[in-house]
Amino acid sequence: MKKQFSKKQSNQDEDYVKRSQAEMQRRFVDLQFKRSELEKQLKLVNEVLFSLGREMEEHFSYNQLYK
């Protein structure tokens, strides 16, 4: 009886470890995807900021010339 209980407990422990590892893997992949999306958004923000900076410089130069 004790062997059967021990084997059952061992199987439950193994199942728990497998489920935990699968959940960690799922979270890892999810976080990688989110990071990728954030990097894309950051790239777009940087491009817009760069463009805005150029426009501001052009506007400043224009105002200096014609005022």
C-alpha atoms as a PDB file:
ATOM      1  CA  MET A   1       0.000   0.000   0.000  1.00  0.00           C
ATOM      2  CA  LYS A   2       2.785   2.374   0.865  1.00  0.00           C
ATOM      3  CA  LYS A   3       4.514   1.731  -2.484  1.00  0.00           C
ATOM      4  CA  GLN A   4       1.316   2.519  -4.351  1.00  0.00           C
ATOM      5  CA  PHE A   5       0.872   5.768  -2.433  1.00  0.00           C
ATOM      6  CA  SER A   6       4.497   6.705  -3.035  1.00  0.00           C
ATOM      7  CA  LYS A   7       4.186   6.000  -6.770  1.00  0.00           C
ATOM      8  CA  LYS A   8       0.955   7.982  -6.984  1.00  0.00           C
ATOM      9  CA  GLN A   9       2.561  10.904  -5.161  1.00  0.00           C
ATOM     10  CA  SER A  10       5.591  10.693  -7.450  1.00  0.00           C
ATOM     11  CA  ASN A  11       3.345  10.840 -10.536  1.00  0.00           C
ATOM     12  CA  GLN A  12       1.509  13.829  -9.105  1.00  0.00           C
ATOM     13  CA  ASP A  13       4.820  15.566  -8.418  1.00  0.00           C
ATOM     14  CA  GLU A  14       5.994  14.899 -11.975  1.00  0.00           C
ATOM     15  CA  ASP A  15       2.713  16.219 -13.385  1.00  0.00           C
ATOM     16  CA  TYR A  16       3.040  19.345 -11.257  1.00  0.00           C
ATOM     17  CA  VAL A  17       6.601  19.931 -12.479  1.00  0.00           C
ATOM     18  CA  LYS A  18       5.552  19.440 -16.118  1.00  0.00           C
ATOM     19  CA  ARG A  19       2.621  21.843 -15.739  1.00  0.00           C
ATOM     20  CA  SER A  20       4.849  24.408 -14.041  1.00  0.00           C
ATOM     21  CA  GLN A  21       7.448  24.164 -16.787  1.00  0.00           C
ATOM     22  CA  ALA A  22       4.770  24.449 -19.492  1.00  0.00           C
ATOM     23  CA  GLU A  23       3.343  27.545 -17.782  1.00  0.00           C
ATOM     24  CA  MET A  24       6.793  29.131 -17.488  1.00  0.00           C
ATOM     25  CA  GLN A  25       7.416  28.429 -21.174  1.00  0.00           C
ATOM     26  CA  ARG A  26       4.041  29.954 -22.106  1.00  0.00           C
ATOM     27  CA  ARG A  27       4.790  33.081 -20.070  1.00  0.00           C
ATOM     28  CA  PHE A  28       8.266  33.341 -21.579  1.00  0.00           C
ATOM     29  CA  VAL A  29       6.900  33.201 -25.136  1.00  0.00           C
ATOM     30  CA  ASP A  30       4.168  35.696 -24.230  1.00  0.00           C
ATOM     31  CA  LEU A  31       6.714  38.131 -22.803  1.00  0.00           C
ATOM     32  CA  GLN A  32       8.949  37.769 -25.867  1.00  0.00           C
ATOM     33  CA  PHE A  33       5.978  38.639 -28.082  1.00  0.00           C
ATOM     34  CA  LYS A  34       5.099  41.655 -25.940  1.00  0.00           C
ATOM     35  CA  ARG A  35       8.723  42.826 -26.013  1.00  0.00           C
ATOM     36  CA  SER A  36       8.751  42.553 -29.790  1.00  0.00           C
ATOM     37  CA  GLU A  37       5.555  44.614 -30.042  1.00  0.00           C
ATOM     38  CA  LEU A  38       6.935  47.252 -27.676  1.00  0.00           C
ATOM     39  CA  GLU A  39      10.164  47.463 -29.679  1.00  0.00           C
ATOM     40  CA  LYS A  40       8.124  48.087 -32.842  1.00  0.00           C
ATOM     41  CA  GLN A  41       6.145  50.818 -31.099  1.00  0.00           C
ATOM     42  CA  LEU A  42       9.323  52.389 -29.736  1.00  0.00           C
ATOM     43  CA  LYS A  43      10.839  52.426 -33.210  1.00  0.00           C
ATOM     44  CA  LEU A  44       7.777  54.261 -34.538  1.00  0.00           C
ATOM     45  CA  VAL A  45       7.891  56.760 -31.667  1.00  0.00           C
ATOM     46  CA  ASN A  46      11.585  57.413 -32.331  1.00  0.00           C
ATOM     47  CA  GLU A  47      10.885  57.986 -36.028  1.00  0.00           C
ATOM     48  CA  VAL A  48       8.090  60.448 -35.226  1.00  0.00           C
ATOM     49  CA  LEU A  49      10.256  62.276 -32.690  1.00  0.00           C
ATOM     50  CA  PHE A  50      13.108  62.518 -35.181  1.00  0.00           C
ATOM     51  CA  SER A  51      10.746  63.883 -37.826  1.00  0.00           C
ATOM     52  CA  LEU A  52       9.238  66.359 -35.377  1.00  0.00           C
ATOM     53  CA  GLY A  53      12.709  67.507 -34.353  1.00  0.00           C
ATOM     54  CA  ARG A  54      13.591  68.204 -37.995  1.00  0.00           C
ATOM     55  CA  GLU A  55      10.357  70.145 -38.488  1.00  0.00           C
ATOM     56  CA  MET A  56      11.050  72.202 -35.377  1.00  0.00           C
ATOM     57  CA  GLU A  57      14.567  73.004 -36.606  1.00  0.00           C
ATOM     58  CA  GLU A  58      13.232  74.028 -40.026  1.00  0.00           C
ATOM     59  CA  HIS A  59      10.559  76.189 -38.417  1.00  0.00           C
ATOM     60  CA  PHE A  60      13.126  77.809 -36.115  1.00  0.00           C
ATOM     61  CA  SER A  61      15.468  78.485 -39.046  1.00  0.00           C
ATOM     62  CA  TYR A  62      12.618  79.923 -41.107  1.00  0.00           C
ATOM     63  CA  ASN A  63      11.601  82.231 -38.249  1.00  0.00           C
ATOM     64  CA  GLN A  64      15.214  83.395 -37.819  1.00  0.00           C
ATOM     65  CA  LEU A  65      15.508  84.258 -41.526  1.00  0.00           C
ATOM     66  CA  TYR A  66      12.201  86.071 -41.980  1.00  0.00           C
ATOM     67  CA  LYS A  67      11.667  87.890 -38.713  1.00  0.00           C
END
